[in-house]
Protein backbone atom coordinates (compact mmCIF):
# COMPACT_ATOMS: atom_id res chain seq x y z
CA MET A 1 -0.07 -0.13 -0.08
CA SER A 2 1.35 3.46 -0.87
CA THR A 3 1.79 5.97 1.97
CA ASP A 4 1.22 9.77 1.10
CA GLY A 5 3.04 12.73 2.76
CA GLU A 6 5.66 10.87 4.61
CA PRO A 7 7.73 13.40 6.54
CA VAL A 8 10.88 13.21 3.95
CA VAL A 9 12.16 16.00 1.50
CA VAL A 10 14.50 14.69 -1.24
CA VAL A 11 17.07 17.26 -2.00
CA VAL A 12 19.36 17.47 -5.29
CA ALA A 13 22.02 19.87 -6.09
CA THR A 14 23.02 20.37 -9.48
CA ARG A 15 25.31 22.80 -11.51
CA ARG A 16 25.68 23.99 -15.27
CA GLY A 17 26.89 20.94 -17.59
CA ARG A 18 25.47 18.19 -15.69
CA GLU A 19 21.78 18.51 -16.90
CA GLU A 20 21.95 15.22 -19.27
CA MET A 21 22.57 13.30 -15.90
CA LEU A 22 20.13 15.22 -13.57
CA LEU A 23 17.39 14.82 -16.19
CA GLY A 24 18.36 11.42 -17.57
CA ARG A 25 19.36 9.35 -14.31
CA ALA A 26 19.04 11.02 -11.01
CA LEU A 27 15.34 12.64 -11.25
CA PRO A 28 13.79 9.80 -13.05
CA SER A 29 15.21 7.30 -10.27
CA ILE A 30 13.36 9.67 -7.79
CA PHE A 31 10.05 9.63 -9.81
CA ARG A 32 10.13 5.97 -10.01
CA GLN A 33 10.03 5.44 -6.14
CA VAL A 34 7.55 3.27 -4.86
CA ASP A 35 5.55 2.75 -1.77
CA VAL A 36 6.52 6.04 -0.23
CA ARG A 37 5.52 9.54 -1.08
CA PRO A 38 7.71 12.31 0.12
CA ARG A 39 6.62 15.67 0.98
CA ALA A 40 8.77 17.33 -1.60
CA LEU A 41 11.50 17.33 -4.14
CA VAL A 42 13.83 20.32 -3.80
CA VAL A 43 16.29 20.83 -6.59
CA VAL A 44 18.61 23.56 -5.86
CA ASP A 45 20.72 24.99 -9.02
CA ASP A 46 24.24 26.06 -7.66
CA ASP A 47 24.80 28.29 -10.51
CA ALA A 48 21.40 30.17 -10.70
CA THR A 49 21.36 33.62 -9.26
CA GLY A 50 17.40 33.80 -9.55
CA THR A 51 14.86 31.72 -11.37
CA SER A 52 16.64 28.59 -12.61
CA PRO A 53 16.70 27.71 -16.16
CA LEU A 54 16.17 24.03 -15.66
CA GLY A 55 12.94 24.69 -13.65
CA ALA A 56 10.51 24.08 -16.54
CA ALA A 57 12.06 20.95 -17.60
CA ILE A 58 12.47 19.55 -14.21
CA VAL A 59 8.73 20.46 -13.52
CA ALA A 60 7.71 18.92 -16.94
CA LEU A 61 9.59 15.75 -16.35
CA ALA A 62 7.92 15.24 -12.74
CA ARG A 63 4.38 15.67 -14.39
CA ARG A 64 5.40 13.02 -17.18
CA GLN A 65 6.51 10.85 -14.53
CA GLY A 66 3.58 11.19 -12.58
CA TRP A 67 4.30 13.19 -9.81
CA GLN A 68 1.33 15.41 -10.11
CA GLY A 69 0.03 16.75 -6.80
CA ARG A 70 3.61 16.47 -5.13
CA GLU A 71 5.57 19.74 -4.53
CA VAL A 72 8.78 20.10 -6.77
CA ALA A 73 10.62 23.28 -5.98
CA VAL A 74 13.64 24.27 -8.10
CA VAL A 75 15.35 27.11 -6.45
CA PRO A 76 18.87 28.95 -6.62
CA ASN A 77 21.75 28.17 -4.32
CA ARG A 78 21.27 31.43 -1.52
CA ARG A 79 24.58 30.39 -0.03
CA THR A 80 28.24 29.49 -0.83
CA ARG A 81 28.63 28.63 -4.50
CA GLY A 82 30.89 25.85 -5.84
CA PHE A 83 32.76 24.01 -3.12
CA SER A 84 31.35 20.56 -3.59
CA GLY A 85 27.71 21.95 -3.60
CA THR A 86 27.80 22.66 0.21
CA GLY A 87 26.04 25.87 -0.15
CA ALA A 88 23.54 24.22 -2.37
CA TRP A 89 22.97 21.25 -0.17
CA ASN A 90 22.33 23.67 2.88
CA THR A 91 19.95 25.84 0.83
CA GLY A 92 17.96 22.82 0.02
CA ALA A 93 18.04 21.52 3.67
CA GLY A 94 16.82 25.15 4.55
CA GLU A 95 14.13 24.79 1.98
CA ALA A 96 12.98 21.35 3.54
CA ARG A 97 12.75 22.87 7.18
CA GLY A 98 9.49 25.01 5.98
CA ARG A 99 8.15 21.63 4.58
CA LEU A 100 8.86 19.69 7.57
CA PRO A 101 7.59 21.84 10.51
CA LEU A 102 7.36 19.00 13.03
CA GLY A 103 10.74 17.29 11.87
CA GLY A 104 11.22 14.45 9.73
CA TRP A 105 14.22 13.33 7.31
CA LEU A 106 16.21 14.73 4.56
CA ALA A 107 17.13 12.33 1.77
CA PHE A 108 20.14 13.62 -0.44
CA LEU A 109 20.80 12.65 -4.18
CA ASP A 110 23.90 13.76 -6.26
CA ASP A 111 22.78 14.79 -9.83
CA ASP A 112 24.85 12.12 -11.48
CA ASP A 113 23.70 9.07 -9.14
CA ALA A 114 20.54 7.01 -8.98
CA TRP A 115 18.28 5.32 -6.28
CA ARG A 116 16.73 1.71 -6.81
CA GLU A 117 13.02 2.07 -6.90
CA THR A 118 12.60 0.85 -3.31
CA TYR A 119 15.30 2.98 -1.91
CA LEU A 120 13.05 5.72 -0.08
CA ALA A 121 10.72 3.11 1.07
CA ARG A 122 13.50 0.94 2.76
CA CYS A 123 14.97 3.99 4.43
CA VAL A 124 11.64 5.27 5.91
CA ALA A 125 10.63 1.69 7.31
CA ALA A 126 14.16 1.36 8.82
CA ALA A 127 14.18 4.97 10.36
CA ARG A 128 10.35 4.30 11.81
CA GLU A 129 11.31 0.66 12.96
CA GLY A 130 14.37 1.74 14.61
CA ASN A 131 13.53 5.33 15.75
CA ALA A 132 16.76 6.05 13.58
CA ALA A 133 18.23 9.69 13.26
CA LEU A 134 20.72 8.15 10.22
CA VAL A 135 19.94 5.32 7.99
CA VAL A 136 22.79 4.13 5.82
CA SER A 137 22.11 1.49 2.61
CA GLY A 138 24.33 -0.34 0.59
CA LEU A 139 25.56 1.01 -2.86
CA LEU A 140 26.88 0.14 -6.08
CA ARG A 141 29.96 2.05 -7.18
CA VAL A 142 29.51 2.11 -10.91
CA GLY A 143 32.89 2.80 -12.75
CA ALA A 144 35.04 0.72 -15.41
CA GLU A 145 33.41 -2.23 -13.03
CA VAL A 146 30.76 -2.10 -10.52
CA GLU A 147 31.99 -2.51 -7.06
CA PRO A 148 29.13 -3.48 -4.40
CA GLN A 149 29.64 -1.91 -0.94
CA LEU A 150 27.42 -3.05 2.01
CA ALA A 151 26.52 -0.33 4.32
CA PRO A 152 29.23 -0.15 6.90
CA VAL A 153 28.73 -1.22 10.66
CA GLY A 154 30.31 0.10 14.08
CA LEU A 155 30.52 3.65 12.87
CA THR A 156 32.26 6.44 15.06
CA ALA A 157 33.82 9.53 14.20
CA ALA A 158 37.22 8.02 13.98
CA THR A 159 36.06 5.75 11.29
CA PHE A 160 36.34 8.50 8.82
CA PHE A 161 39.63 9.75 9.79
CA GLU A 162 41.38 7.48 7.03
CA THR A 163 38.82 7.07 4.50
CA ASN A 164 35.20 6.98 3.91
CA PRO A 165 33.80 3.37 4.17
CA GLY A 166 30.70 4.07 1.78
CA ILE A 167 28.63 6.84 2.73
CA GLN A 168 28.26 9.39 -0.03
CA SER A 169 25.68 12.06 -0.05
CA SER A 170 23.37 9.96 -2.27
CA ASN A 171 22.89 7.12 0.49
CA LEU A 172 22.55 9.88 3.33
CA PHE A 173 19.23 9.84 5.00
CA ILE A 174 19.26 11.81 7.86
CA ALA A 175 16.94 13.34 10.33
CA LEU A 176 16.58 17.12 9.90
CA ASP A 177 17.14 18.00 13.36
CA LEU A 178 20.40 16.13 13.55
CA PHE A 179 21.70 17.71 10.30
CA GLU A 180 20.69 21.31 11.66
CA SER A 181 22.27 20.41 15.17
CA VAL A 182 25.78 19.75 13.57
CA GLY A 183 25.53 22.70 11.28
CA GLY A 184 24.97 20.98 8.06
CA PHE A 185 27.71 20.89 5.45
CA ASP A 186 30.84 22.99 5.98
CA GLU A 187 31.00 25.57 3.25
CA SER A 188 34.58 26.24 3.70
CA LEU A 189 35.42 22.94 2.45
CA PRO A 190 35.74 22.27 -1.22
CA SER A 191 36.42 18.48 -0.78
CA THR A 192 36.23 15.80 2.02
CA THR A 193 32.71 17.17 2.58
CA ASP A 194 30.98 13.91 3.57
CA ARG A 195 33.75 12.78 5.62
CA ASP A 196 33.58 16.04 7.79
CA LEU A 197 29.81 16.01 8.06
CA LEU A 198 30.00 12.46 9.44
CA ILE A 199 32.67 13.05 11.73
CA ARG A 200 30.36 15.90 13.05
CA VAL A 201 27.32 13.81 12.99
CA PHE A 202 28.75 10.97 15.07
CA ASP A 203 30.76 13.27 17.63
CA HIS A 204 27.11 14.45 18.14
CA LEU A 205 25.64 10.97 18.52
CA GLU A 206 28.24 9.85 20.91
CA ARG A 207 27.27 12.74 23.20
CA ARG A 208 23.63 12.35 22.56
CA PRO A 209 22.96 8.58 21.37
CA ARG A 210 20.39 7.88 18.89
CA PRO A 211 20.07 4.91 16.77
CA VAL A 212 21.87 4.26 13.19
CA ALA A 213 20.03 2.20 11.13
CA ARG A 214 21.28 -0.03 8.28
CA VAL A 215 19.64 -1.27 5.30
CA GLU A 216 21.31 -4.39 3.82
CA GLU A 217 20.79 -4.09 0.34
CA TYR A 218 22.19 -2.27 -2.86
CA LEU A 219 19.98 0.39 -3.40
CA VAL A 220 22.00 3.31 -4.52
CA GLU A 221 24.28 3.79 -7.81
CA HIS A 222 27.26 5.99 -7.07
CA HIS A 223 28.59 6.76 -10.63
CA ALA A 224 32.13 7.46 -10.68
CA HIS A 225 32.28 8.87 -14.23
CA ALA A 226 34.98 10.64 -16.17
CA GLY A 227 33.28 14.02 -16.22
CA PRO A 228 34.04 17.08 -13.82
CA ARG A 229 33.91 15.92 -10.33
CA VAL A 230 35.53 17.08 -7.08
CA THR A 231 37.50 13.90 -7.25
CA THR A 232 39.18 14.82 -10.45
CA ASP A 233 39.67 18.59 -9.69
CA ALA A 234 43.11 18.31 -8.28
CA ARG A 235 43.26 21.69 -6.79
CA ALA A 236 39.82 21.46 -4.88
CA LYS A 237 40.64 17.96 -3.56
CA HIS A 238 44.00 19.28 -2.22
CA LEU A 239 42.64 22.49 -0.64
CA GLY A 240 39.80 20.47 0.89
CA LEU A 241 42.44 17.84 2.59
CA ASP A 242 44.62 20.71 3.79
CA ARG A 243 41.52 21.89 5.76
CA PHE A 244 40.41 18.30 6.74
CA TYR A 245 43.74 17.28 8.15
CA ALA A 246 44.32 20.87 9.91
CA ARG A 247 40.96 20.21 11.73
CA TYR A 248 41.37 16.51 12.38
CA GLY A 249 44.94 15.73 11.94
CA ALA A 250 45.55 16.16 15.72
CA ARG A 251 42.68 13.77 16.68
CA MET A 252 44.62 10.79 14.90
CA ASP A 253 47.13 8.69 16.08
CA ALA A 254 50.39 8.27 14.21
CA ALA A 255 49.53 5.18 12.51
CA THR A 256 45.79 6.29 11.30
CA LEU A 257 47.60 9.75 10.39
CA GLY A 258 50.12 7.76 8.26
CA ARG A 259 47.61 5.59 6.54
CA SER A 260 45.21 8.49 5.89
CA LEU A 261 47.80 10.76 4.16
CA ALA A 262 49.11 7.57 2.26
CA ARG A 263 45.65 6.81 0.90
CA ALA A 264 45.49 10.68 0.00
CA GLU A 265 48.88 10.58 -1.86
CA ARG A 266 48.11 7.29 -3.72
CA LEU A 267 44.62 8.40 -4.82
CA PHE A 268 44.90 12.19 -5.44
CA GLY A 269 48.42 13.09 -5.37
CA TYR A 270 48.04 14.85 -2.20
CA ARG A 271 51.57 15.56 -0.46
CA ALA A 272 51.86 14.75 3.23
CA ASP A 273 54.24 17.77 3.55
CA ARG A 274 51.21 20.17 2.76
CA CYS A 275 49.83 19.43 6.17
């Protein structure tokens, strides 16, 4: 049985040059969700200064996909531009606040990723069953090959010092009040934004414990394509890592810091002598 009006707002951040992935992959995967009806979809255009030129195309697609009667808001980023979309994500969360006056959950999706059709239904069920403030599902990393990653277990803030064990924006389903309590995404970071947010989330949950739920299914497709991404922008990646290690390096023991820096150098060409 379908459920209407669940206290969930879906937030997508996008920018110029990514229209094909947004309209052809990410949004259709939202419109195909079954057994759950979110309050709204909020798409934040990181490049728009006023009315987004994407607005009409997105609303038309929503109507063709059967989203009549559900709110679709396409808004400009009113905060920091660029910087891995952090200002756009936070703008979207602010828009969600007005649509979730009694609280609820945010479901983020990158504009180049996709959800399987039961993603939202499984996350809502897990959140309700476990009274969870955070729900993490497994994902499929789609590149030259498809790499399955189960939802990680035993998470703490320290888990994210060395690497990200498999939580991207696209499989982040989080209570609005928890997201707001930790200040949302850090708009001073041009990279490492997911790791930074989750460190602050788990620091908060250590002080004020609330359940974290896992969905042991691969319900998110994370596309590691060859087009422009933060991961492929060396300058942005290195600046973000500089700030990440300045903030968290002192909390790492020598072995963890060494492994973390070795990984950053191997994957991103980051020089250890920068931090």
